[in-house]
Amino acid sequence: MMKRYNVYLVFLIVFLITLVSCGKKIAPSAALGKQGKGYDKAAFDYFYVEAIKQKLMGNGGDALKYLEQCIKIFPESDASYYQMAQIVATNGDTRNGKKYASKAISLNEKNVWYLMMLSGMYYQDKNLDSAIIYYEKAVKYFPENENLKLTLGNLYSENRNFNQANTIFDSFDNKYGINESSTLSSIKNLMAEEKYDDALIKIQMLLNQYPDEILYNGLLAEIYKGKGDMEKALEVYKSLIERNPDNAQTQLSLCDFLINEKSYNDLFMLLNTVILNSNVTREDKIAIFVRLIEIPDLVKDKEDKLTIALMVLEATYNQDDVIPLLRPELLIRQEKLTDAEIRLKDLIKARPDNYYAWEKLLFLYMKMGDFNKLTIWGEQCATRFNTSFVAKVLYANGALETGKYSIALEELKKAEILAGNNKDSMVQVLTMRADVYYRMKDYTKSFEIFDEAIKYNKDDLTVINNYAYYLAEQNIKLKEAEEMSRKVIESEKNNSTFLDTYGWVLYKRGKLNEAAKIMESIINSGESANAEWYEHYGFILKKQRKCTKAIENWNIALKLDSTKIHLIKEIENCGK
């Protein structure tokens, strides 16, 4: 069941994000800040207004330049630092956001907006202790603001400062009696503290006033569950359904409960009711089945029941284009790829304009590594749905892997037009185009395009990784390749593909011991074996004059990928 009793904590997060990102919602005190003397107010006002205008237009960089001018004119401008904090935090730079917000607070420590924003940034960084410090200050300066105090109570609870949280919640309950705000937070706090008997007393008080409220019944069930009484927990939902047999939220909450408890037999008894309930939205029904398909033990042990339930859902929505894709997705999860292919082709035959089935089929061929079929079906899909960026890219990928480079380039040209101003799509097109030219052995053109892709997005790790690998393969700019590859693994230390590239670049640079350690760490990581790893490790071992071990690794590579016939010659030469 979705834990909606976190409503006030969710409110805090949403409010703080809104505060950080929306300049239009600034209170006058936050917008204007302190007013100083002895500075060029007209010049300051001009730059400040321009800064706000640029910020609202989404031009954060230009806004920051104007605000820097404001600081030069009037260094004590807390409002300028506040605006700077908002801009950089909106772009994900909470480190500088906190720096600017702290400066604003040092200049105007009793501004509630500054305090809440800085607290919000610490919360985003999961630093609850610091978030609490600034909320405590806000409550200290504005004790009459009950929303601040209630949110502080929720922060205490999340940080497991249960006694401090209870003190706040009890003060509200004593003042207002049992209510839907502080009492709810108090119950959640007691449950987190595992004081289920106390929580039970309070939730029953709420249920006396609102007996059919799904949220409160859900909490009651969770309390029983916490006490280890699963029968009573289930009975709560059954009783609620008896009183409200067609209530969609009740049925969905019970489904959620049964999934969490792995009560799959009871779940499948309920599923048909949910499917046929017109009060449950199509989207909610899809969401349930998507979740079920992602549960390995359920897919394994309840395959037949899940398949039947999916067929009932399909029959209920017999003109839908998305719901029929759930069964192929189940087959893919079960690694029954051929069956999934047959099912998708049947769907396409029955409804040729079902784009989603076409796209799913193309992605399936990608997963299967069947690039001939990807090319054949990709051409049909890209022709039928000629405004689909994804169809063009998938067709180009099939053409690339089957050596049809002119087709790949032509489709990528069309995909580029469809990409428009979408930066991510453009990077994808450019990276694939660079790959095509590399396969065509036009290395200069390939590397020029990689440079262009990085200009679009200098932080795209896949682009940087591929570029570094290709440079290493051609034994050029190896120092630059090493720097690029190191940058990638500093961001994703456990990505085996990126680590393999780094190990290969180190090998090309002659750093054999470091390269060997990298490859050994990948091979021993517990991930599914990859022929590339053993091939690369074999070359490193050969260079270290460890031929016997090199041959062992190359033989493993050949077992994993029989197309690597070039290794046979390496094995023969190394053996001699």
Protein backbone atom coordinates (compact mmCIF):
# COMPACT_ATOMS: atom_id res chain seq x y z
CA MET A 1 0.00 0.00 0.00
CA MET A 2 1.29 3.43 -0.88
CA LYS A 3 2.28 5.07 2.39
CA ARG A 4 0.24 8.21 1.96
CA TYR A 5 0.50 8.92 5.69
CA ASN A 6 3.82 10.58 4.83
CA VAL A 7 1.68 13.42 3.49
CA TYR A 8 3.38 16.16 5.47
CA LEU A 9 6.87 14.97 4.68
CA VAL A 10 5.92 14.77 1.02
CA PHE A 11 4.53 18.28 1.35
CA LEU A 12 7.86 19.41 2.74
CA ILE A 13 9.78 17.95 -0.19
CA VAL A 14 7.40 19.35 -2.80
CA PHE A 15 7.34 22.73 -1.09
CA LEU A 16 11.11 22.95 -0.88
CA ILE A 17 11.59 21.90 -4.50
CA THR A 18 9.02 24.51 -5.52
CA LEU A 19 10.78 27.08 -3.42
CA VAL A 20 14.12 26.30 -5.02
CA SER A 21 12.83 26.22 -8.58
CA CYS A 22 10.12 28.86 -8.82
CA GLY A 23 11.18 32.48 -8.65
CA LYS A 24 7.61 33.69 -8.99
CA LYS A 25 6.67 32.39 -5.55
CA ILE A 26 9.07 34.45 -3.49
CA ALA A 27 7.68 36.37 -0.56
CA PRO A 28 8.40 40.10 -0.65
CA SER A 29 10.90 39.82 2.20
CA ALA A 30 12.82 37.14 0.33
CA ALA A 31 12.77 39.00 -2.96
CA LEU A 32 13.92 42.35 -1.66
CA GLY A 33 16.18 41.35 1.20
CA LYS A 34 17.86 43.99 3.31
CA GLN A 35 17.99 47.54 2.05
CA GLY A 36 21.38 49.14 2.48
CA LYS A 37 22.76 52.63 2.15
CA GLY A 38 25.71 54.12 0.35
CA TYR A 39 25.49 52.22 -2.93
CA ASP A 40 24.22 52.94 -6.43
CA LYS A 41 20.62 51.80 -5.93
CA ALA A 42 19.56 52.58 -9.50
CA ALA A 43 22.33 50.44 -10.97
CA PHE A 44 21.61 47.68 -8.45
CA ASP A 45 17.90 47.68 -9.26
CA TYR A 46 18.62 47.53 -12.99
CA PHE A 47 20.90 44.48 -12.68
CA TYR A 48 18.58 42.79 -10.17
CA VAL A 49 15.49 43.17 -12.37
CA GLU A 50 17.44 41.91 -15.38
CA ALA A 51 18.62 38.94 -13.34
CA ILE A 52 15.07 38.01 -12.32
CA LYS A 53 13.88 38.42 -15.91
CA GLN A 54 16.61 36.12 -17.24
CA LYS A 55 15.92 33.61 -14.48
CA LEU A 56 12.21 33.46 -15.30
CA MET A 57 13.10 33.02 -18.98
CA GLY A 58 15.21 30.00 -18.05
CA ASN A 59 18.55 31.69 -18.75
CA GLY A 60 20.24 30.81 -15.48
CA GLY A 61 23.77 31.58 -16.66
CA ASP A 62 22.86 35.11 -17.73
CA ALA A 63 20.92 35.64 -14.51
CA LEU A 64 23.98 34.69 -12.45
CA LYS A 65 26.13 37.24 -14.32
CA TYR A 66 23.67 40.02 -13.47
CA LEU A 67 23.50 38.89 -9.84
CA GLU A 68 27.29 38.94 -9.61
CA GLN A 69 27.11 42.60 -10.67
CA CYS A 70 24.55 43.14 -7.91
CA ILE A 71 26.99 41.71 -5.35
CA LYS A 72 29.77 43.97 -6.62
CA ILE A 73 27.54 47.02 -6.22
CA PHE A 74 26.06 45.93 -2.88
CA PRO A 75 28.01 43.08 -1.19
CA GLU A 76 25.43 42.87 1.63
CA SER A 77 22.60 41.91 -0.72
CA ASP A 78 21.18 38.77 0.88
CA ALA A 79 18.44 38.61 -1.79
CA SER A 80 21.05 38.34 -4.55
CA TYR A 81 22.71 35.39 -2.84
CA TYR A 82 19.29 33.82 -2.33
CA GLN A 83 18.50 34.11 -6.04
CA MET A 84 21.92 32.67 -6.92
CA ALA A 85 21.27 29.75 -4.60
CA GLN A 86 17.93 29.08 -6.29
CA ILE A 87 19.46 29.11 -9.78
CA VAL A 88 22.38 26.76 -9.11
CA ALA A 89 20.27 24.41 -6.98
CA THR A 90 17.72 24.17 -9.79
CA ASN A 91 20.56 22.92 -12.01
CA GLY A 92 21.47 20.26 -9.43
CA ASP A 93 24.45 22.10 -7.94
CA THR A 94 23.46 21.87 -4.29
CA ARG A 95 27.06 22.36 -3.15
CA ASN A 96 27.17 25.95 -4.44
CA GLY A 97 23.49 26.32 -3.66
CA LYS A 98 24.23 25.70 0.00
CA LYS A 99 27.17 28.09 -0.14
CA TYR A 100 25.04 30.94 -1.53
CA ALA A 101 22.10 30.18 0.77
CA SER A 102 24.41 30.14 3.80
CA LYS A 103 25.75 33.55 2.76
CA ALA A 104 22.19 34.88 2.45
CA ILE A 105 21.39 33.60 5.95
CA SER A 106 24.57 35.13 7.40
CA LEU A 107 23.33 38.48 6.09
CA ASN A 108 19.69 37.97 7.13
CA GLU A 109 19.43 35.08 9.57
CA LYS A 110 15.74 35.48 10.37
CA ASN A 111 14.42 35.11 6.83
CA VAL A 112 12.22 32.01 6.84
CA TRP A 113 12.54 31.47 3.08
CA TYR A 114 16.31 31.34 3.26
CA LEU A 115 16.23 28.91 6.16
CA MET A 116 13.70 26.63 4.48
CA MET A 117 15.61 26.62 1.19
CA LEU A 118 18.91 25.68 2.83
CA SER A 119 17.15 23.02 4.89
CA GLY A 120 15.61 21.67 1.69
CA MET A 121 18.98 21.37 -0.02
CA TYR A 122 20.42 19.48 2.93
CA TYR A 123 17.35 17.23 2.81
CA GLN A 124 17.96 16.58 -0.90
CA ASP A 125 21.51 15.56 0.00
CA LYS A 126 20.09 13.22 2.67
CA ASN A 127 21.79 15.22 5.42
CA LEU A 128 18.90 15.19 7.88
CA ASP A 129 20.88 16.54 10.82
CA SER A 130 21.70 19.76 8.98
CA ALA A 131 18.19 20.00 7.51
CA ILE A 132 16.82 19.82 11.05
CA ILE A 133 19.18 22.53 12.34
CA TYR A 134 17.82 25.10 9.89
CA TYR A 135 14.22 24.06 10.43
CA GLU A 136 14.75 24.42 14.17
CA LYS A 137 15.94 27.97 13.55
CA ALA A 138 12.88 28.67 11.41
CA VAL A 139 10.60 27.40 14.20
CA LYS A 140 12.54 29.46 16.75
CA TYR A 141 12.09 32.68 14.80
CA PHE A 142 8.49 31.94 13.77
CA PRO A 143 6.96 29.95 16.67
CA GLU A 144 3.43 30.89 15.62
CA ASN A 145 3.83 29.07 12.28
CA GLU A 146 2.35 25.66 13.01
CA ASN A 147 3.18 24.23 9.57
CA LEU A 148 6.88 24.79 10.25
CA LYS A 149 6.59 23.03 13.60
CA LEU A 150 4.65 20.09 12.16
CA THR A 151 7.19 19.63 9.38
CA LEU A 152 10.01 19.75 11.92
CA GLY A 153 8.23 16.94 13.78
CA ASN A 154 8.22 14.84 10.61
CA LEU A 155 11.92 15.54 10.09
CA TYR A 156 12.63 14.43 13.66
CA SER A 157 10.67 11.24 13.05
CA GLU A 158 12.48 10.47 9.81
CA ASN A 159 15.79 11.01 11.61
CA ARG A 160 14.60 8.63 14.33
CA ASN A 161 14.49 11.37 16.97
CA PHE A 162 11.23 9.84 18.14
CA ASN A 163 10.90 11.60 21.51
CA GLN A 164 11.34 15.06 19.99
CA ALA A 165 8.83 14.18 17.27
CA ASN A 166 6.31 12.90 19.81
CA THR A 167 6.62 16.09 21.84
CA ILE A 168 5.60 18.15 18.82
CA PHE A 169 2.80 15.84 17.69
CA ASP A 170 1.38 15.49 21.21
CA SER A 171 1.29 19.28 21.56
CA PHE A 172 -0.94 19.48 18.48
CA ASP A 173 -3.15 16.60 19.63
CA ASN A 174 -3.56 18.24 23.05
CA LYS A 175 -4.50 21.51 21.40
CA TYR A 176 -6.78 20.25 18.63
CA GLY A 177 -7.72 16.72 19.73
CA ILE A 178 -7.57 13.77 17.33
CA ASN A 179 -7.16 15.25 13.85
CA GLU A 180 -6.11 14.29 10.34
CA SER A 181 -2.75 16.03 10.39
CA SER A 182 -0.73 15.78 13.59
CA THR A 183 -2.42 12.54 14.73
CA LEU A 184 -1.52 10.90 11.44
CA SER A 185 2.11 11.97 11.82
CA SER A 186 2.07 10.77 15.42
CA ILE A 187 0.83 7.33 14.37
CA LYS A 188 3.54 7.06 11.75
CA ASN A 189 6.14 8.05 14.34
CA LEU A 190 4.89 5.44 16.82
CA MET A 191 4.99 2.76 14.11
CA ALA A 192 8.55 3.69 13.22
CA GLU A 193 9.38 3.40 16.91
CA GLU A 194 7.60 -0.01 16.90
CA LYS A 195 5.15 1.15 19.56
CA TYR A 196 2.33 -0.62 17.78
CA ASP A 197 -0.07 -0.75 20.73
CA ASP A 198 0.05 3.04 21.16
CA ALA A 199 -0.31 3.48 17.39
CA LEU A 200 -3.30 1.12 17.43
CA ILE A 201 -5.12 3.24 20.01
CA LYS A 202 -4.69 6.41 17.95
CA ILE A 203 -5.60 4.88 14.59
CA GLN A 204 -8.78 3.43 16.06
CA MET A 205 -9.71 6.92 17.27
CA LEU A 206 -9.33 8.20 13.72
CA LEU A 207 -11.32 5.27 12.34
CA ASN A 208 -14.16 6.02 14.76
CA GLN A 209 -14.55 9.31 12.89
CA TYR A 210 -13.72 8.03 9.39
CA PRO A 211 -14.47 4.27 9.29
CA ASP A 212 -14.21 3.89 5.49
CA GLU A 213 -11.10 6.01 4.94
CA ILE A 214 -8.77 3.72 2.99
CA LEU A 215 -5.61 5.40 4.22
CA TYR A 216 -6.50 4.85 7.86
CA ASN A 217 -7.60 1.26 7.28
CA GLY A 218 -4.33 0.67 5.48
CA LEU A 219 -2.44 2.00 8.48
CA LEU A 220 -4.47 -0.26 10.74
CA ALA A 221 -3.51 -3.24 8.60
CA GLU A 222 0.16 -2.25 8.74
CA ILE A 223 -0.02 -1.94 12.51
CA TYR A 224 -1.46 -5.47 12.77
CA LYS A 225 1.26 -6.61 10.41
CA GLY A 226 3.86 -4.98 12.64
CA LYS A 227 2.40 -6.83 15.60
CA GLY A 228 2.73 -10.07 13.62
CA ASP A 229 -1.02 -10.61 13.28
CA MET A 230 -1.36 -11.14 9.51
CA GLU A 231 -4.89 -12.56 9.77
CA LYS A 232 -6.20 -9.37 11.33
CA ALA A 233 -4.30 -7.29 8.80
CA LEU A 234 -5.97 -9.13 5.92
CA GLU A 235 -9.35 -8.98 7.65
CA VAL A 236 -9.14 -5.17 7.70
CA TYR A 237 -9.09 -5.06 3.91
CA LYS A 238 -11.71 -7.77 3.48
CA SER A 239 -14.06 -5.91 5.80
CA LEU A 240 -13.44 -2.68 3.92
CA ILE A 241 -14.20 -4.37 0.60
CA GLU A 242 -17.42 -5.87 2.00
CA ARG A 243 -18.57 -2.37 2.93
CA ASN A 244 -17.33 -0.85 -0.36
CA PRO A 245 -17.31 -3.71 -2.91
CA ASP A 246 -16.62 -1.54 -5.99
CA ASN A 247 -14.21 0.92 -4.44
CA ALA A 248 -11.16 1.04 -6.70
CA GLN A 249 -8.71 2.36 -4.14
CA THR A 250 -9.67 -0.33 -1.64
CA GLN A 251 -9.07 -3.09 -4.18
CA LEU A 252 -5.76 -1.58 -5.28
CA SER A 253 -4.61 -1.22 -1.68
CA LEU A 254 -5.46 -4.86 -1.00
CA CYS A 255 -3.56 -5.91 -4.14
CA ASP A 256 -0.57 -3.93 -2.91
CA PHE A 257 -0.80 -5.57 0.51
CA LEU A 258 -1.06 -9.09 -0.93
CA ILE A 259 1.91 -8.48 -3.27
CA ASN A 260 4.05 -7.22 -0.40
CA GLU A 261 3.10 -10.24 1.70
CA LYS A 262 3.60 -12.62 -1.25
CA SER A 263 0.08 -13.95 -0.73
CA TYR A 264 -0.15 -14.78 -4.40
CA ASN A 265 -3.07 -17.23 -4.24
CA ASP A 266 -5.29 -14.61 -2.58
CA LEU A 267 -3.96 -12.04 -5.02
CA PHE A 268 -5.03 -13.99 -8.11
CA MET A 269 -8.49 -14.53 -6.59
CA LEU A 270 -8.79 -10.74 -6.37
CA LEU A 271 -7.21 -9.86 -9.73
CA ASN A 272 -10.16 -10.81 -11.92
CA THR A 273 -12.40 -8.60 -9.79
CA VAL A 274 -9.97 -5.73 -10.24
CA ILE A 275 -9.74 -6.31 -14.00
CA LEU A 276 -13.52 -6.23 -14.42
CA ASN A 277 -14.03 -3.27 -12.09
CA SER A 278 -14.75 -0.25 -14.31
CA ASN A 279 -13.90 2.05 -11.39
CA VAL A 280 -10.27 0.93 -11.55
CA THR A 281 -8.53 2.86 -14.29
CA ARG A 282 -6.84 1.14 -17.20
CA GLU A 283 -3.55 2.75 -16.14
CA ASP A 284 -3.80 1.31 -12.61
CA LYS A 285 -4.52 -2.15 -14.01
CA ILE A 286 -1.47 -1.94 -16.29
CA ALA A 287 0.65 -0.75 -13.36
CA ILE A 288 -0.33 -3.80 -11.27
CA PHE A 289 0.63 -6.26 -14.01
CA VAL A 290 3.88 -4.45 -14.81
CA ARG A 291 4.77 -4.82 -11.14
CA LEU A 292 3.84 -8.51 -11.09
CA ILE A 293 5.93 -9.24 -14.19
CA GLU A 294 8.95 -7.76 -12.40
CA ILE A 295 8.69 -10.23 -9.47
CA PRO A 296 10.94 -13.23 -10.35
CA ASP A 297 9.48 -15.78 -7.92
CA LEU A 298 5.91 -14.94 -8.93
CA VAL A 299 6.76 -15.22 -12.64
CA LYS A 300 8.43 -18.57 -11.99
CA ASP A 301 5.87 -20.16 -9.66
CA LYS A 302 2.60 -18.62 -10.89
CA GLU A 303 3.26 -18.47 -14.63
CA ASP A 304 -0.02 -20.08 -15.66
CA LYS A 305 -2.20 -17.97 -13.38
CA LEU A 306 -0.43 -14.79 -14.44
CA THR A 307 -0.82 -15.66 -18.12
CA ILE A 308 -4.55 -16.37 -17.69
CA ALA A 309 -5.04 -13.08 -15.82
CA LEU A 310 -3.27 -11.24 -18.65
CA MET A 311 -5.53 -12.90 -21.20
CA VAL A 312 -8.59 -11.78 -19.22
CA LEU A 313 -7.21 -8.25 -19.21
CA GLU A 314 -6.62 -8.40 -22.98
CA ALA A 315 -10.18 -9.60 -23.56
CA THR A 316 -11.53 -6.74 -21.45
CA TYR A 317 -9.61 -4.21 -23.56
CA ASN A 318 -9.69 -5.95 -26.94
CA GLN A 319 -9.01 -2.75 -28.92
CA ASP A 320 -6.06 -1.61 -26.80
CA ASP A 321 -2.55 -1.34 -28.28
CA VAL A 322 -0.55 -1.38 -25.03
CA ILE A 323 -2.16 -4.07 -22.87
CA PRO A 324 -1.40 -6.91 -25.36
CA LEU A 325 2.31 -6.12 -24.94
CA LEU A 326 2.26 -7.31 -21.34
CA ARG A 327 2.20 -10.98 -22.34
CA PRO A 328 5.28 -10.68 -24.60
CA GLU A 329 6.99 -8.79 -21.79
CA LEU A 330 6.26 -11.71 -19.46
CA LEU A 331 7.75 -14.11 -22.02
CA ILE A 332 10.85 -11.93 -22.31
CA ARG A 333 11.25 -11.96 -18.53
CA GLN A 334 11.08 -15.75 -18.70
CA GLU A 335 13.77 -15.72 -21.44
CA LYS A 336 11.24 -17.27 -23.84
CA LEU A 337 12.38 -14.92 -26.57
CA THR A 338 11.17 -16.98 -29.54
CA ASP A 339 7.69 -17.22 -28.02
CA ALA A 340 7.73 -13.47 -27.43
CA GLU A 341 8.72 -12.92 -31.06
CA ILE A 342 5.83 -15.10 -32.31
CA ARG A 343 3.34 -13.30 -30.07
CA LEU A 344 4.50 -9.87 -31.21
CA LYS A 345 4.29 -10.85 -34.87
CA ASP A 346 0.74 -12.10 -34.27
CA LEU A 347 -0.15 -8.74 -32.73
CA ILE A 348 1.31 -6.89 -35.71
CA LYS A 349 -0.55 -9.13 -38.15
CA ALA A 350 -3.83 -8.51 -36.33
CA ARG A 351 -3.26 -4.75 -35.94
CA PRO A 352 -0.58 -3.56 -38.41
CA ASP A 353 -0.78 0.02 -37.12
CA ASN A 354 0.06 -0.92 -33.52
CA TYR A 355 3.34 0.99 -33.34
CA TYR A 356 4.07 -0.23 -29.81
CA ALA A 357 4.13 -3.86 -30.96
CA TRP A 358 6.53 -2.99 -33.79
CA GLU A 359 8.85 -1.12 -31.46
CA LYS A 360 8.77 -3.93 -28.90
CA LEU A 361 9.66 -6.43 -31.63
CA LEU A 362 12.65 -4.35 -32.75
CA PHE A 363 13.93 -4.05 -29.20
CA LEU A 364 13.50 -7.81 -28.84
CA TYR A 365 15.73 -8.39 -31.87
CA MET A 366 18.28 -6.06 -30.29
CA LYS A 367 18.19 -8.17 -27.12
CA MET A 368 18.48 -11.37 -29.16
CA GLY A 369 21.37 -9.93 -31.18
CA ASP A 370 19.53 -10.90 -34.37
CA PHE A 371 20.57 -7.91 -36.48
CA ASN A 372 19.43 -9.43 -39.77
CA LYS A 373 15.84 -9.55 -38.51
CA LEU A 374 16.30 -6.15 -36.89
CA THR A 375 17.26 -4.74 -40.29
CA ILE A 376 14.39 -6.43 -42.16
CA TRP A 377 11.67 -5.52 -39.68
CA GLY A 378 13.32 -2.20 -38.88
CA GLU A 379 12.99 -1.14 -42.51
CA GLN A 380 9.28 -1.98 -42.50
CA CYS A 381 8.71 -0.18 -39.20
CA ALA A 382 10.70 2.92 -40.20
CA THR A 383 8.78 3.11 -43.47
CA ARG A 384 5.32 2.61 -41.95
CA PHE A 385 6.01 4.99 -39.05
CA ASN A 386 8.23 7.48 -40.83
CA THR A 387 8.06 10.11 -38.08
CA SER A 388 9.35 7.77 -35.38
CA PHE A 389 12.82 8.68 -34.16
CA VAL A 390 13.16 5.35 -32.33
CA ALA A 391 12.24 3.33 -35.45
CA LYS A 392 14.89 5.14 -37.51
CA VAL A 393 17.58 4.61 -34.88
CA LEU A 394 16.78 0.92 -34.43
CA TYR A 395 16.77 0.35 -38.20
CA ALA A 396 20.10 2.18 -38.44
CA ASN A 397 21.49 0.00 -35.68
CA GLY A 398 20.52 -3.17 -37.54
CA ALA A 399 22.07 -1.82 -40.75
CA LEU A 400 25.24 -0.88 -38.88
CA GLU A 401 25.66 -4.34 -37.38
CA THR A 402 25.03 -6.06 -40.73
CA GLY A 403 27.56 -3.88 -42.57
CA LYS A 404 25.01 -1.85 -44.52
CA TYR A 405 26.72 1.41 -43.72
CA SER A 406 25.13 3.60 -46.39
CA ILE A 407 21.67 2.62 -45.15
CA ALA A 408 22.70 3.30 -41.56
CA LEU A 409 23.96 6.79 -42.46
CA GLU A 410 20.82 7.57 -44.45
CA GLU A 411 18.54 6.55 -41.57
CA LEU A 412 20.62 8.52 -39.09
CA LYS A 413 20.25 11.57 -41.31
CA LYS A 414 16.46 11.18 -41.05
CA ALA A 415 16.71 10.56 -37.30
CA GLU A 416 18.70 13.77 -36.90
CA ILE A 417 15.87 15.76 -38.48
CA LEU A 418 13.37 14.08 -36.15
CA ALA A 419 15.62 14.75 -33.14
CA GLY A 420 15.12 18.49 -33.55
CA ASN A 421 16.35 20.35 -30.46
CA ASN A 422 16.43 17.29 -28.24
CA LYS A 423 20.01 17.18 -26.97
CA ASP A 424 19.94 13.54 -25.85
CA SER A 425 18.55 12.38 -29.18
CA MET A 426 21.19 14.36 -31.08
CA VAL A 427 23.97 12.81 -29.00
CA GLN A 428 22.58 9.36 -29.75
CA VAL A 429 22.53 10.07 -33.50
CA LEU A 430 26.05 11.52 -33.49
CA THR A 431 27.46 8.61 -31.46
CA MET A 432 25.96 6.07 -33.86
CA ARG A 433 27.21 8.05 -36.86
CA ALA A 434 30.71 8.10 -35.36
CA ASP A 435 30.42 4.33 -34.90
CA VAL A 436 29.44 3.86 -38.56
CA TYR A 437 32.44 5.83 -39.83
CA TYR A 438 34.70 3.93 -37.45
CA ARG A 439 33.47 0.63 -38.90
CA MET A 440 34.10 2.10 -42.36
CA LYS A 441 37.70 2.77 -41.18
CA ASP A 442 37.25 6.51 -41.72
CA TYR A 443 38.79 7.19 -38.32
CA THR A 444 39.33 10.91 -38.85
CA LYS A 445 35.66 11.46 -39.64
CA SER A 446 34.61 9.22 -36.76
CA PHE A 447 36.67 11.12 -34.20
CA GLU A 448 35.48 14.49 -35.52
CA ILE A 449 31.90 13.37 -34.91
CA PHE A 450 32.77 12.11 -31.42
CA ASP A 451 34.15 15.58 -30.66
CA GLU A 452 30.90 17.09 -31.90
CA ALA A 453 28.85 14.72 -29.71
CA ILE A 454 30.85 15.68 -26.62
CA LYS A 455 30.19 19.37 -27.35
CA TYR A 456 26.49 18.55 -27.15
CA ASN A 457 26.92 16.79 -23.82
CA LYS A 458 30.35 16.72 -22.21
CA ASP A 459 29.04 14.52 -19.39
CA ASP A 460 27.63 11.65 -21.46
CA LEU A 461 29.63 8.74 -20.06
CA THR A 462 28.79 6.30 -22.85
CA VAL A 463 30.03 8.69 -25.54
CA ILE A 464 33.24 9.40 -23.64
CA ASN A 465 33.80 5.70 -22.96
CA ASN A 466 33.33 4.69 -26.61
CA TYR A 467 35.55 7.51 -27.82
CA ALA A 468 38.32 6.49 -25.41
CA TYR A 469 38.06 2.85 -26.48
CA TYR A 470 38.29 3.66 -30.18
CA LEU A 471 41.27 5.95 -29.60
CA ALA A 472 43.00 3.12 -27.76
CA GLU A 473 42.19 0.68 -30.56
CA GLN A 474 43.94 3.01 -33.02
CA ASN A 475 46.83 3.71 -30.64
CA ILE A 476 46.37 7.48 -30.89
CA LYS A 477 45.92 10.16 -28.23
CA LEU A 478 46.41 7.47 -25.60
CA LYS A 479 47.07 9.92 -22.77
CA GLU A 480 43.84 11.73 -23.64
CA ALA A 481 42.02 8.40 -23.86
CA GLU A 482 43.25 7.47 -20.38
CA GLU A 483 42.03 10.78 -18.94
CA MET A 484 38.65 10.31 -20.59
CA SER A 485 38.29 6.75 -19.39
CA ARG A 486 39.34 7.66 -15.86
CA LYS A 487 36.70 10.38 -15.77
CA VAL A 488 34.09 7.80 -16.73
CA ILE A 489 34.95 5.26 -14.03
CA GLU A 490 35.20 7.96 -11.39
CA SER A 491 31.50 8.53 -12.04
CA GLU A 492 30.58 4.83 -12.31
CA LYS A 493 33.12 2.77 -10.44
CA ASN A 494 31.29 -0.55 -10.79
CA ASN A 495 30.31 -0.45 -14.44
CA SER A 496 32.07 -3.45 -16.01
CA THR A 497 31.85 -2.07 -19.55
CA PHE A 498 33.53 1.17 -18.53
CA LEU A 499 36.12 -0.68 -16.43
CA ASP A 500 36.95 -2.94 -19.38
CA THR A 501 37.64 0.12 -21.51
CA TYR A 502 39.83 1.60 -18.77
CA GLY A 503 41.79 -1.64 -18.47
CA TRP A 504 42.27 -1.76 -22.24
CA VAL A 505 43.45 1.85 -22.38
CA LEU A 506 45.93 1.18 -19.56
CA TYR A 507 47.22 -1.84 -21.50
CA LYS A 508 47.72 0.32 -24.58
CA ARG A 509 49.57 2.84 -22.40
CA GLY A 510 51.90 0.07 -21.17
CA LYS A 511 50.56 0.14 -17.61
CA LEU A 512 50.27 -3.62 -17.49
CA ASN A 513 50.00 -4.23 -13.73
CA GLU A 514 47.22 -1.68 -13.34
CA ALA A 515 45.46 -3.06 -16.42
CA ALA A 516 45.68 -6.63 -15.11
CA LYS A 517 44.20 -5.64 -11.73
CA ILE A 518 41.27 -3.94 -13.45
CA MET A 519 40.53 -6.98 -15.63
CA GLU A 520 40.86 -9.38 -12.69
CA SER A 521 38.38 -7.28 -10.69
CA ILE A 522 35.86 -7.43 -13.55
CA ILE A 523 36.26 -11.17 -14.13
CA ASN A 524 35.89 -11.86 -10.40
CA SER A 525 32.96 -9.48 -9.94
CA GLY A 526 30.35 -12.23 -10.17
CA GLU A 527 28.75 -10.79 -13.30
CA SER A 528 27.92 -13.00 -16.27
CA ALA A 529 31.10 -13.79 -18.18
CA ASN A 530 31.90 -11.67 -21.23
CA ALA A 531 34.22 -12.82 -24.02
CA GLU A 532 35.75 -9.33 -24.37
CA TRP A 533 37.06 -9.41 -20.81
CA TYR A 534 38.92 -12.67 -21.31
CA GLU A 535 40.24 -11.58 -24.70
CA HIS A 536 41.60 -8.33 -23.30
CA TYR A 537 43.02 -10.00 -20.21
CA GLY A 538 44.73 -12.54 -22.45
CA PHE A 539 46.56 -9.79 -24.36
CA ILE A 540 47.63 -8.16 -21.10
CA LEU A 541 48.99 -11.50 -19.85
CA LYS A 542 50.79 -12.09 -23.13
CA LYS A 543 52.50 -8.72 -22.82
CA GLN A 544 53.51 -9.74 -19.28
CA ARG A 545 55.07 -12.89 -20.81
CA LYS A 546 52.52 -15.13 -19.07
CA CYS A 547 51.60 -17.16 -22.14
CA THR A 548 50.06 -20.14 -20.37
CA LYS A 549 47.56 -17.94 -18.54
CA ALA A 550 46.96 -15.88 -21.68
CA ILE A 551 46.01 -19.03 -23.61
CA GLU A 552 43.67 -20.11 -20.79
CA ASN A 553 41.80 -16.80 -21.02
CA TRP A 554 41.65 -16.80 -24.81
CA ASN A 555 40.19 -20.30 -24.77
CA ILE A 556 37.48 -19.08 -22.40
CA ALA A 557 36.82 -16.15 -24.74
CA LEU A 558 36.43 -18.57 -27.67
CA LYS A 559 33.99 -20.73 -25.71
CA LEU A 560 31.91 -17.66 -24.92
CA ASP A 561 32.08 -16.28 -28.47
CA SER A 562 33.03 -18.67 -31.26
CA THR A 563 33.27 -15.81 -33.79
CA LYS A 564 36.56 -14.64 -32.24
CA ILE A 565 38.54 -16.89 -34.60
CA HIS A 566 41.46 -14.43 -34.66
CA LEU A 567 42.31 -15.71 -31.18
CA ILE A 568 43.15 -19.15 -32.59
CA LYS A 569 46.23 -17.68 -34.26
CA GLU A 570 47.14 -15.82 -31.07
CA ILE A 571 46.93 -19.07 -29.11
CA GLU A 572 49.13 -20.87 -31.64
CA ASN A 573 51.74 -18.10 -31.67
CA CYS A 574 51.77 -17.73 -27.91
CA GLY A 575 52.09 -21.50 -27.51
CA LYS A 576 55.18 -21.52 -29.69
